[in-house]
Amino acid sequence: MLQRTFTAELHCQYGRVGVVETPLAADPRFSADQEGWLCTEDRRGATLSFKPIVFQFLFIEKKNDRIHYRVNCADTWQYAGARLEQNKNGWLGLYGTHVIGRVIDALNPANLLPALQPIWKIETLQAWDGDIQNAENIAFYLRDRNGHRVAQVESIYRRSTPHLRHWFLNAGQMDGEILKFHLHNIKVS
């Protein structure tokens, strides 16, 4: 994969990757619980709450067969600059969003230390000649700092009856379908 900083859409076998952004008026129960979590277009795109995003991959280094990046959101007012992180259960979301999140991030000294910021690893699944024109054809796994591959995992919302089922992206010990990703609309910085 590219050994430089770039922006791109992230796609997998379930379509484009985006975030959940449920309008408060549409369903106040879900907006606070799910906003900012990563999901796929096929599982969420038919609802009001799917927001496609563009990611910025900030190149760090190439180490063995992996390329390391810091990943942020590159577009939309609410999420621009937000970091791709995971919570303690492995669920992937964007952190440092909206005005309040940006202020909190700016005041947190830990965010200034690169060693504490999340690292994401790309493991390509086929040989690549390095030509940016062919980069969109290269399948890869996205892995967290610990090497867990990103998967789509079912989450059951138990605060309603009947229980609702949703799928979100996760990198951890939960059972789910490992996703194979591709980049689209790549723009090199």
N, C-alpha and C. Protein backbone atom coordinates (compact mmCIF):
# COMPACT_ATOMS: atom_id res chain seq x y z
N MET A 1 0.84 -1.17 0.00
CA MET A 1 0.00 0.00 0.00
C MET A 1 0.89 1.24 0.00
N LEU A 2 0.29 2.38 -0.17
CA LEU A 2 1.04 3.63 -0.30
C LEU A 2 1.86 3.93 0.95
N GLN A 3 3.10 4.28 0.75
CA GLN A 3 3.97 4.65 1.86
C GLN A 3 4.09 6.17 1.92
N ARG A 4 2.94 6.79 2.00
CA ARG A 4 2.83 8.25 2.12
C ARG A 4 1.44 8.57 2.64
N THR A 5 1.20 9.81 2.98
CA THR A 5 -0.09 10.23 3.49
C THR A 5 -1.05 10.44 2.32
N PHE A 6 -2.30 10.00 2.50
CA PHE A 6 -3.30 10.12 1.45
C PHE A 6 -4.70 10.12 2.06
N THR A 7 -5.68 10.50 1.27
CA THR A 7 -7.09 10.38 1.66
C THR A 7 -7.75 9.40 0.71
N ALA A 8 -8.79 8.73 1.21
CA ALA A 8 -9.52 7.76 0.38
C ALA A 8 -10.80 7.36 1.07
N GLU A 9 -11.71 6.84 0.27
CA GLU A 9 -12.90 6.16 0.80
C GLU A 9 -12.47 4.74 1.13
N LEU A 10 -13.05 4.17 2.16
CA LEU A 10 -12.77 2.81 2.56
C LEU A 10 -13.99 1.96 2.19
N HIS A 11 -13.76 0.92 1.40
CA HIS A 11 -14.84 0.02 0.97
C HIS A 11 -14.48 -1.41 1.36
N CYS A 12 -15.53 -2.24 1.51
CA CYS A 12 -15.33 -3.66 1.79
C CYS A 12 -16.43 -4.42 1.06
N GLN A 13 -16.55 -5.71 1.34
CA GLN A 13 -17.56 -6.52 0.67
C GLN A 13 -18.98 -6.09 1.01
N TYR A 14 -19.16 -5.22 2.00
CA TYR A 14 -20.48 -4.70 2.37
C TYR A 14 -20.65 -3.24 1.99
N GLY A 15 -19.88 -2.77 1.03
CA GLY A 15 -20.00 -1.40 0.56
C GLY A 15 -19.08 -0.45 1.28
N ARG A 16 -19.41 0.80 1.18
CA ARG A 16 -18.58 1.86 1.74
C ARG A 16 -18.67 1.88 3.27
N VAL A 17 -17.58 2.27 3.90
CA VAL A 17 -17.55 2.42 5.36
C VAL A 17 -17.90 3.86 5.69
N GLY A 18 -18.74 4.01 6.70
CA GLY A 18 -19.15 5.33 7.18
C GLY A 18 -19.37 5.28 8.67
N VAL A 19 -20.04 6.28 9.18
CA VAL A 19 -20.36 6.34 10.60
C VAL A 19 -21.87 6.41 10.79
N VAL A 20 -22.27 6.04 11.98
CA VAL A 20 -23.67 6.19 12.36
C VAL A 20 -23.85 7.63 12.82
N GLU A 21 -24.80 8.30 12.24
CA GLU A 21 -25.15 9.66 12.67
C GLU A 21 -26.67 9.76 12.60
N THR A 22 -27.31 9.28 13.63
CA THR A 22 -28.76 9.28 13.69
C THR A 22 -29.26 10.65 14.11
N PRO A 23 -30.06 11.31 13.28
CA PRO A 23 -30.62 12.60 13.70
C PRO A 23 -31.43 12.42 14.98
N LEU A 24 -31.26 13.32 15.92
CA LEU A 24 -31.95 13.24 17.20
C LEU A 24 -33.46 13.14 17.00
N ALA A 25 -33.98 13.88 16.03
CA ALA A 25 -35.43 13.86 15.79
C ALA A 25 -35.89 12.50 15.24
N ALA A 26 -35.00 11.80 14.54
CA ALA A 26 -35.39 10.52 13.95
C ALA A 26 -35.55 9.44 15.01
N ASP A 27 -34.65 9.38 15.96
CA ASP A 27 -34.75 8.39 17.03
C ASP A 27 -33.81 8.76 18.16
N PRO A 28 -34.30 9.50 19.16
CA PRO A 28 -33.44 9.96 20.25
C PRO A 28 -32.81 8.83 21.06
N ARG A 29 -33.42 7.64 21.07
CA ARG A 29 -32.84 6.53 21.84
C ARG A 29 -31.49 6.10 21.28
N PHE A 30 -31.35 6.14 19.96
CA PHE A 30 -30.13 5.64 19.34
C PHE A 30 -29.07 6.70 19.12
N SER A 31 -29.46 7.95 18.97
CA SER A 31 -28.49 8.96 18.58
C SER A 31 -27.33 9.06 19.55
N ALA A 32 -27.58 9.01 20.83
CA ALA A 32 -26.49 9.13 21.81
C ALA A 32 -25.68 7.85 21.92
N ASP A 33 -26.32 6.69 21.79
CA ASP A 33 -25.63 5.42 21.96
C ASP A 33 -24.77 5.01 20.77
N GLN A 34 -25.14 5.42 19.56
CA GLN A 34 -24.49 4.88 18.38
C GLN A 34 -23.73 5.90 17.55
N GLU A 35 -23.90 7.16 17.78
CA GLU A 35 -23.30 8.17 16.92
C GLU A 35 -21.78 8.07 16.91
N GLY A 36 -21.21 8.08 15.70
CA GLY A 36 -19.77 8.05 15.53
C GLY A 36 -19.17 6.67 15.39
N TRP A 37 -19.97 5.60 15.60
CA TRP A 37 -19.45 4.24 15.44
C TRP A 37 -19.39 3.90 13.95
N LEU A 38 -18.35 3.16 13.56
CA LEU A 38 -18.19 2.78 12.15
C LEU A 38 -19.12 1.63 11.77
N CYS A 39 -19.65 1.74 10.56
CA CYS A 39 -20.56 0.74 10.03
C CYS A 39 -20.38 0.68 8.51
N THR A 40 -21.08 -0.24 7.88
CA THR A 40 -20.98 -0.38 6.43
C THR A 40 -22.28 0.02 5.75
N GLU A 41 -22.15 0.41 4.51
CA GLU A 41 -23.29 0.88 3.72
C GLU A 41 -24.38 -0.17 3.57
N ASP A 42 -24.02 -1.42 3.29
CA ASP A 42 -25.03 -2.46 3.08
C ASP A 42 -25.83 -2.75 4.34
N ARG A 43 -25.21 -2.61 5.50
CA ARG A 43 -25.91 -2.91 6.75
C ARG A 43 -26.64 -1.70 7.33
N ARG A 44 -26.27 -0.49 6.90
CA ARG A 44 -26.86 0.70 7.51
C ARG A 44 -27.27 1.76 6.50
N GLY A 45 -26.83 1.62 5.25
CA GLY A 45 -27.00 2.67 4.26
C GLY A 45 -28.42 3.02 3.90
N ALA A 46 -29.36 2.11 4.09
CA ALA A 46 -30.75 2.39 3.74
C ALA A 46 -31.46 3.22 4.81
N THR A 47 -30.78 3.54 5.89
CA THR A 47 -31.40 4.30 6.97
C THR A 47 -30.93 5.76 6.93
N LEU A 48 -31.59 6.59 7.69
CA LEU A 48 -31.19 7.99 7.81
C LEU A 48 -29.87 8.15 8.54
N SER A 49 -29.44 7.11 9.26
CA SER A 49 -28.30 7.25 10.16
C SER A 49 -26.95 6.92 9.55
N PHE A 50 -26.87 6.55 8.27
CA PHE A 50 -25.58 6.23 7.65
C PHE A 50 -24.98 7.48 7.03
N LYS A 51 -23.74 7.80 7.41
CA LYS A 51 -23.04 8.95 6.84
C LYS A 51 -21.71 8.46 6.27
N PRO A 52 -21.57 8.44 4.93
CA PRO A 52 -20.30 8.03 4.35
C PRO A 52 -19.23 9.07 4.63
N ILE A 53 -18.00 8.61 4.84
CA ILE A 53 -16.91 9.53 5.13
C ILE A 53 -15.67 9.19 4.31
N VAL A 54 -14.76 10.15 4.27
CA VAL A 54 -13.46 9.97 3.64
C VAL A 54 -12.43 9.93 4.77
N PHE A 55 -11.49 9.00 4.67
CA PHE A 55 -10.46 8.85 5.69
C PHE A 55 -9.14 9.44 5.23
N GLN A 56 -8.37 9.96 6.18
CA GLN A 56 -7.00 10.37 5.92
C GLN A 56 -6.09 9.35 6.58
N PHE A 57 -5.20 8.78 5.79
CA PHE A 57 -4.22 7.81 6.27
C PHE A 57 -2.88 8.55 6.39
N LEU A 58 -2.43 8.78 7.61
CA LEU A 58 -1.17 9.48 7.86
C LEU A 58 -0.06 8.44 7.99
N PHE A 59 0.80 8.37 7.00
CA PHE A 59 1.85 7.35 6.97
C PHE A 59 2.82 7.52 8.13
N ILE A 60 3.12 6.40 8.81
CA ILE A 60 4.09 6.39 9.90
C ILE A 60 5.35 5.64 9.47
N GLU A 61 5.17 4.35 9.11
CA GLU A 61 6.31 3.53 8.76
C GLU A 61 5.86 2.24 8.10
N LYS A 62 6.82 1.59 7.45
CA LYS A 62 6.61 0.23 6.95
C LYS A 62 7.40 -0.68 7.87
N LYS A 63 6.74 -1.70 8.39
CA LYS A 63 7.39 -2.62 9.32
C LYS A 63 7.02 -4.03 8.91
N ASN A 64 7.98 -4.80 8.47
CA ASN A 64 7.77 -6.15 7.96
C ASN A 64 6.78 -6.10 6.80
N ASP A 65 5.69 -6.85 6.88
CA ASP A 65 4.71 -6.86 5.78
C ASP A 65 3.50 -5.96 6.06
N ARG A 66 3.64 -5.02 6.99
CA ARG A 66 2.55 -4.12 7.34
C ARG A 66 3.00 -2.67 7.13
N ILE A 67 2.03 -1.83 6.79
CA ILE A 67 2.28 -0.40 6.71
C ILE A 67 1.44 0.26 7.79
N HIS A 68 2.08 1.08 8.60
CA HIS A 68 1.42 1.68 9.76
C HIS A 68 0.97 3.10 9.45
N TYR A 69 -0.25 3.41 9.92
CA TYR A 69 -0.85 4.72 9.71
C TYR A 69 -1.55 5.17 10.97
N ARG A 70 -1.76 6.47 11.07
CA ARG A 70 -2.76 7.04 11.96
C ARG A 70 -3.91 7.38 11.03
N VAL A 71 -5.13 7.10 11.45
CA VAL A 71 -6.27 7.30 10.56
C VAL A 71 -7.23 8.29 11.19
N ASN A 72 -7.61 9.29 10.39
CA ASN A 72 -8.55 10.33 10.81
C ASN A 72 -9.64 10.46 9.76
N CYS A 73 -10.69 11.15 10.13
CA CYS A 73 -11.72 11.50 9.16
C CYS A 73 -11.25 12.76 8.42
N ALA A 74 -11.44 12.76 7.11
CA ALA A 74 -10.94 13.88 6.30
C ALA A 74 -12.03 14.81 5.81
N ASP A 75 -13.28 14.51 6.08
CA ASP A 75 -14.35 15.37 5.58
C ASP A 75 -15.50 15.49 6.57
N THR A 76 -16.48 16.23 6.21
CA THR A 76 -17.68 16.57 6.98
C THR A 76 -17.31 17.42 8.19
N TRP A 77 -18.10 18.43 8.44
CA TRP A 77 -17.83 19.35 9.52
C TRP A 77 -17.77 18.64 10.87
N GLN A 78 -18.72 17.76 11.14
CA GLN A 78 -18.81 17.13 12.45
C GLN A 78 -17.61 16.25 12.77
N TYR A 79 -17.04 15.60 11.74
CA TYR A 79 -16.02 14.59 11.98
C TYR A 79 -14.63 14.95 11.48
N ALA A 80 -14.46 16.05 10.79
CA ALA A 80 -13.15 16.41 10.22
C ALA A 80 -12.08 16.40 11.31
N GLY A 81 -11.02 15.63 11.08
CA GLY A 81 -9.92 15.53 12.03
C GLY A 81 -10.12 14.52 13.14
N ALA A 82 -11.32 13.96 13.27
CA ALA A 82 -11.58 12.98 14.33
C ALA A 82 -10.73 11.73 14.10
N ARG A 83 -10.24 11.15 15.19
CA ARG A 83 -9.36 9.98 15.13
C ARG A 83 -10.15 8.68 15.09
N LEU A 84 -9.68 7.73 14.28
CA LEU A 84 -10.22 6.38 14.32
C LEU A 84 -9.59 5.69 15.52
N GLU A 85 -10.44 5.30 16.46
CA GLU A 85 -9.99 4.61 17.67
C GLU A 85 -10.96 3.48 17.98
N GLN A 86 -10.61 2.70 18.98
CA GLN A 86 -11.51 1.64 19.42
C GLN A 86 -11.69 1.76 20.93
N ASN A 87 -12.87 1.36 21.39
CA ASN A 87 -13.09 1.38 22.83
C ASN A 87 -12.53 0.10 23.45
N LYS A 88 -12.71 -0.09 24.74
CA LYS A 88 -12.11 -1.25 25.42
C LYS A 88 -12.69 -2.58 24.92
N ASN A 89 -13.85 -2.55 24.27
CA ASN A 89 -14.44 -3.77 23.73
C ASN A 89 -14.11 -3.98 22.26
N GLY A 90 -13.32 -3.10 21.69
CA GLY A 90 -12.88 -3.25 20.31
C GLY A 90 -13.75 -2.56 19.28
N TRP A 91 -14.85 -1.91 19.67
CA TRP A 91 -15.72 -1.23 18.72
C TRP A 91 -15.01 -0.02 18.15
N LEU A 92 -15.09 0.17 16.84
CA LEU A 92 -14.41 1.27 16.16
C LEU A 92 -15.30 2.48 16.02
N GLY A 93 -14.75 3.64 16.33
CA GLY A 93 -15.49 4.87 16.21
C GLY A 93 -14.56 6.04 15.96
N LEU A 94 -15.16 7.19 15.70
CA LEU A 94 -14.39 8.41 15.52
C LEU A 94 -14.43 9.20 16.82
N TYR A 95 -13.27 9.61 17.28
CA TYR A 95 -13.13 10.32 18.55
C TYR A 95 -12.62 11.73 18.30
N GLY A 96 -13.12 12.67 19.09
CA GLY A 96 -12.76 14.08 18.93
C GLY A 96 -13.66 14.73 17.89
N THR A 97 -14.96 14.52 18.03
CA THR A 97 -15.91 15.02 17.04
C THR A 97 -16.66 16.25 17.55
N HIS A 98 -17.24 16.96 16.64
CA HIS A 98 -18.03 18.15 16.93
C HIS A 98 -17.20 19.17 17.72
N VAL A 99 -17.77 20.22 18.16
CA VAL A 99 -17.04 21.29 18.85
C VAL A 99 -16.53 20.82 20.20
N ILE A 100 -17.37 20.17 20.98
CA ILE A 100 -16.97 19.76 22.33
C ILE A 100 -15.81 18.77 22.28
N GLY A 101 -15.88 17.79 21.39
CA GLY A 101 -14.80 16.81 21.28
C GLY A 101 -13.49 17.43 20.85
N ARG A 102 -13.55 18.42 19.98
CA ARG A 102 -12.32 19.10 19.53
C ARG A 102 -11.69 19.90 20.67
N VAL A 103 -12.52 20.55 21.47
CA VAL A 103 -12.00 21.33 22.60
C VAL A 103 -11.35 20.39 23.62
N ILE A 104 -12.03 19.31 23.96
CA ILE A 104 -11.48 18.35 24.92
C ILE A 104 -10.15 17.79 24.40
N ASP A 105 -10.10 17.43 23.13
CA ASP A 105 -8.87 16.90 22.54
C ASP A 105 -7.74 17.93 22.60
N ALA A 106 -8.05 19.18 22.32
CA ALA A 106 -7.03 20.22 22.32
C ALA A 106 -6.45 20.45 23.72
N LEU A 107 -7.24 20.22 24.75
CA LEU A 107 -6.79 20.43 26.12
C LEU A 107 -6.14 19.20 26.75
N ASN A 108 -6.22 18.06 26.07
CA ASN A 108 -5.68 16.81 26.61
C ASN A 108 -4.23 16.64 26.17
N PRO A 109 -3.26 16.75 27.09
CA PRO A 109 -1.84 16.65 26.70
C PRO A 109 -1.48 15.29 26.12
N ALA A 110 -2.20 14.24 26.46
CA ALA A 110 -1.90 12.91 25.92
C ALA A 110 -2.05 12.87 24.40
N ASN A 111 -2.91 13.73 23.86
CA ASN A 111 -3.11 13.74 22.41
C ASN A 111 -1.92 14.33 21.66
N LEU A 112 -1.00 14.95 22.39
CA LEU A 112 0.19 15.50 21.76
C LEU A 112 1.34 14.49 21.70
N LEU A 113 1.18 13.35 22.36
CA LEU A 113 2.23 12.32 22.39
C LEU A 113 1.94 11.26 21.34
N PRO A 114 2.73 11.21 20.28
CA PRO A 114 2.47 10.23 19.22
C PRO A 114 2.42 8.79 19.70
N ALA A 115 3.20 8.44 20.71
CA ALA A 115 3.22 7.05 21.19
C ALA A 115 1.87 6.61 21.76
N LEU A 116 1.06 7.55 22.20
CA LEU A 116 -0.24 7.22 22.79
C LEU A 116 -1.37 7.24 21.76
N GLN A 117 -1.10 7.69 20.56
CA GLN A 117 -2.14 7.76 19.54
C GLN A 117 -2.29 6.41 18.85
N PRO A 118 -3.50 6.07 18.43
CA PRO A 118 -3.72 4.75 17.83
C PRO A 118 -2.99 4.58 16.50
N ILE A 119 -2.49 3.37 16.30
CA ILE A 119 -1.83 3.00 15.06
C ILE A 119 -2.69 1.93 14.39
N TRP A 120 -2.86 2.08 13.08
CA TRP A 120 -3.60 1.11 12.29
C TRP A 120 -2.66 0.52 11.25
N LYS A 121 -2.79 -0.77 11.02
CA LYS A 121 -1.88 -1.47 10.12
C LYS A 121 -2.64 -1.97 8.91
N ILE A 122 -2.04 -1.81 7.75
CA ILE A 122 -2.61 -2.36 6.52
C ILE A 122 -1.74 -3.54 6.10
N GLU A 123 -2.41 -4.67 5.90
CA GLU A 123 -1.76 -5.88 5.40
C GLU A 123 -2.35 -6.19 4.03
N THR A 124 -1.58 -5.95 2.99
CA THR A 124 -2.10 -6.23 1.64
C THR A 124 -2.20 -7.74 1.44
N LEU A 125 -3.20 -8.14 0.65
CA LEU A 125 -3.47 -9.56 0.43
C LEU A 125 -2.95 -10.05 -0.92
N GLN A 126 -2.25 -9.19 -1.64
CA GLN A 126 -1.68 -9.57 -2.93
C GLN A 126 -0.51 -8.64 -3.22
N ALA A 127 0.31 -9.06 -4.15
CA ALA A 127 1.45 -8.23 -4.54
C ALA A 127 0.95 -6.97 -5.24
N TRP A 128 1.70 -5.89 -5.08
CA TRP A 128 1.34 -4.62 -5.70
C TRP A 128 2.59 -3.98 -6.27
N ASP A 129 2.49 -3.45 -7.46
CA ASP A 129 3.65 -2.87 -8.14
C ASP A 129 3.97 -1.44 -7.71
N GLY A 130 3.19 -0.86 -6.80
CA GLY A 130 3.45 0.49 -6.31
C GLY A 130 2.82 1.59 -7.14
N ASP A 131 2.18 1.25 -8.26
CA ASP A 131 1.54 2.23 -9.12
C ASP A 131 0.22 2.68 -8.50
N ILE A 132 0.11 3.97 -8.23
CA ILE A 132 -1.11 4.50 -7.59
C ILE A 132 -2.36 4.22 -8.43
N GLN A 133 -2.21 4.10 -9.73
CA GLN A 133 -3.35 3.81 -10.61
C GLN A 133 -3.96 2.44 -10.31
N ASN A 134 -3.16 1.52 -9.76
CA ASN A 134 -3.64 0.17 -9.45
C ASN A 134 -4.00 -0.02 -7.98
N ALA A 135 -3.80 0.99 -7.16
CA ALA A 135 -3.99 0.85 -5.72
C ALA A 135 -5.43 0.48 -5.35
N GLU A 136 -6.40 0.94 -6.12
CA GLU A 136 -7.80 0.63 -5.79
C GLU A 136 -8.13 -0.84 -5.98
N ASN A 137 -7.29 -1.57 -6.70
CA ASN A 137 -7.52 -3.00 -6.94
C ASN A 137 -6.90 -3.89 -5.88
N ILE A 138 -6.19 -3.32 -4.94
CA ILE A 138 -5.47 -4.11 -3.94
C ILE A 138 -6.33 -4.32 -2.70
N ALA A 139 -6.62 -5.59 -2.41
CA ALA A 139 -7.38 -5.94 -1.20
C ALA A 139 -6.44 -5.96 0.00
N PHE A 140 -6.97 -5.60 1.17
CA PHE A 140 -6.14 -5.62 2.38
C PHE A 140 -6.98 -5.83 3.62
N TYR A 141 -6.30 -6.26 4.67
CA TYR A 141 -6.90 -6.30 6.01
C TYR A 141 -6.46 -5.03 6.72
N LEU A 142 -7.35 -4.49 7.52
CA LEU A 142 -7.02 -3.39 8.41
C LEU A 142 -6.91 -3.99 9.81
N ARG A 143 -5.78 -3.74 10.46
CA ARG A 143 -5.52 -4.32 11.78
C ARG A 143 -5.26 -3.21 12.81
N ASP A 144 -5.63 -3.50 14.05
CA ASP A 144 -5.34 -2.55 15.12
C ASP A 144 -3.89 -2.72 15.58
N ARG A 145 -3.52 -1.96 16.58
CA ARG A 145 -2.15 -1.98 17.12
C ARG A 145 -1.73 -3.40 17.55
N ASN A 146 -2.69 -4.18 18.06
CA ASN A 146 -2.40 -5.52 18.55
C ASN A 146 -2.50 -6.60 17.48
N GLY A 147 -2.80 -6.20 16.25
CA GLY A 147 -2.86 -7.17 15.16
C GLY A 147 -4.24 -7.74 14.89
N HIS A 148 -5.26 -7.35 15.64
CA HIS A 148 -6.62 -7.84 15.39
C HIS A 148 -7.13 -7.27 14.07
N ARG A 149 -7.69 -8.14 13.23
CA ARG A 149 -8.27 -7.68 11.97
C ARG A 149 -9.65 -7.07 12.22
N VAL A 150 -9.98 -6.06 11.44
CA VAL A 150 -11.29 -5.42 11.57
C VAL A 150 -12.35 -6.35 10.98
N ALA A 151 -13.42 -6.52 11.74
CA ALA A 151 -14.53 -7.38 11.35
C ALA A 151 -15.84 -6.62 11.49
N GLN A 152 -16.86 -7.15 10.86
CA GLN A 152 -18.21 -6.63 11.07
C GLN A 152 -18.88 -7.55 12.08
N VAL A 153 -19.35 -6.97 13.17
CA VAL A 153 -19.87 -7.75 14.29
C VAL A 153 -21.29 -7.29 14.61
N GLU A 154 -22.13 -8.24 14.90
CA GLU A 154 -23.52 -7.93 15.27
C GLU A 154 -23.56 -7.43 16.71
N SER A 155 -24.34 -6.38 16.91
CA SER A 155 -24.57 -5.83 18.23
C SER A 155 -26.08 -5.82 18.46
N ILE A 156 -26.49 -6.29 19.63
CA ILE A 156 -27.92 -6.33 19.93
C ILE A 156 -28.25 -5.19 20.90
N TYR A 157 -29.16 -4.34 20.49
CA TYR A 157 -29.60 -3.21 21.30
C TYR A 157 -30.73 -3.70 22.19
N ARG A 158 -30.45 -3.84 23.48
CA ARG A 158 -31.39 -4.47 24.42
C ARG A 158 -32.28 -3.48 25.16
N ARG A 159 -32.13 -2.18 24.86
CA ARG A 159 -32.93 -1.17 25.56
C ARG A 159 -34.31 -1.00 24.95
N SER A 160 -34.62 -1.81 23.96
CA SER A 160 -35.95 -1.73 23.36
C SER A 160 -36.52 -3.13 23.23
N THR A 161 -37.83 -3.19 23.09
CA THR A 161 -38.50 -4.47 22.88
C THR A 161 -39.31 -4.34 21.61
N PRO A 162 -39.12 -5.19 20.64
CA PRO A 162 -38.12 -6.26 20.64
C PRO A 162 -36.71 -5.70 20.51
N HIS A 163 -35.72 -6.53 20.85
CA HIS A 163 -34.32 -6.12 20.73
C HIS A 163 -34.00 -5.83 19.27
N LEU A 164 -33.18 -4.83 19.05
CA LEU A 164 -32.79 -4.46 17.69
C LEU A 164 -31.37 -4.94 17.41
N ARG A 165 -31.14 -5.37 16.17
CA ARG A 165 -29.82 -5.86 15.77
C ARG A 165 -29.17 -4.86 14.82
N HIS A 166 -27.91 -4.54 15.12
CA HIS A 166 -27.13 -3.64 14.28
C HIS A 166 -25.75 -4.25 14.09
N TRP A 167 -25.06 -3.84 13.04
CA TRP A 167 -23.71 -4.32 12.77
C TRP A 167 -22.77 -3.14 12.76
N PHE A 168 -21.67 -3.30 13.49
CA PHE A 168 -20.64 -2.27 13.58
C PHE A 168 -19.28 -2.90 13.34
N LEU A 169 -18.27 -2.06 13.11
CA LEU A 169 -16.92 -2.56 12.91
C LEU A 169 -16.24 -2.73 14.26
N ASN A 170 -15.45 -3.80 14.37
CA ASN A 170 -14.80 -4.17 15.61
C ASN A 170 -13.44 -4.77 15.30
N ALA A 171 -12.48 -4.49 16.14
CA ALA A 171 -11.16 -5.13 16.05
C ALA A 171 -10.83 -5.65 17.44
N GLY A 172 -11.01 -6.93 17.63
CA GLY A 172 -10.78 -7.50 18.96
C GLY A 172 -11.15 -8.97 18.98
N GLN A 173 -11.63 -9.42 20.13
CA GLN A 173 -11.90 -10.84 20.35
C GLN A 173 -13.32 -11.27 19.98
N MET A 174 -14.18 -10.34 19.59
CA MET A 174 -15.57 -10.71 19.27
C MET A 174 -15.66 -11.46 17.95
N ASP A 175 -16.63 -12.38 17.88
CA ASP A 175 -16.86 -13.12 16.65
C ASP A 175 -17.56 -12.23 15.64
N GLY A 176 -17.07 -12.25 14.43
CA GLY A 176 -17.66 -11.48 13.35
C GLY A 176 -17.02 -11.87 12.05
N GLU A 177 -17.46 -11.25 10.98
CA GLU A 177 -16.90 -11.54 9.67
C GLU A 177 -15.74 -10.58 9.39
N ILE A 178 -14.56 -11.17 9.18
CA ILE A 178 -13.38 -10.37 8.85
C ILE A 178 -13.63 -9.68 7.52
N LEU A 179 -13.32 -8.40 7.46
CA LEU A 179 -13.57 -7.62 6.24
C LEU A 179 -12.30 -7.48 5.41
N LYS A 180 -12.48 -7.59 4.10
CA LYS A 180 -11.41 -7.31 3.15
C LYS A 180 -11.73 -5.95 2.55
N PHE A 181 -10.78 -5.03 2.68
CA PHE A 181 -11.00 -3.65 2.28
C PHE A 181 -10.34 -3.33 0.94
N HIS A 182 -10.84 -2.26 0.32
CA HIS A 182 -10.27 -1.62 -0.86
C HIS A 182 -10.37 -0.11 -0.66
N LEU A 183 -9.48 0.61 -1.28
CA LEU A 183 -9.54 2.07 -1.26
C LEU A 183 -10.17 2.56 -2.55
N HIS A 184 -10.95 3.62 -2.47
CA HIS A 184 -11.52 4.27 -3.65
C HIS A 184 -11.25 5.77 -3.56
N ASN A 185 -11.17 6.41 -4.72
CA ASN A 185 -10.96 7.87 -4.81
C ASN A 185 -9.76 8.33 -3.99
N ILE A 186 -8.63 7.70 -4.23
CA ILE A 186 -7.39 8.01 -3.51
C ILE A 186 -6.84 9.35 -3.97
N LYS A 187 -6.45 10.17 -2.99
CA LYS A 187 -5.80 11.46 -3.27
C LYS A 187 -4.56 11.55 -2.41
N VAL A 188 -3.41 11.65 -3.05
CA VAL A 188 -2.14 11.72 -2.32
C VAL A 188 -1.90 13.15 -1.87
N SER A 189 -1.48 13.30 -0.62
CA SER A 189 -1.20 14.64 -0.07
C SER A 189 0.11 15.18 -0.58
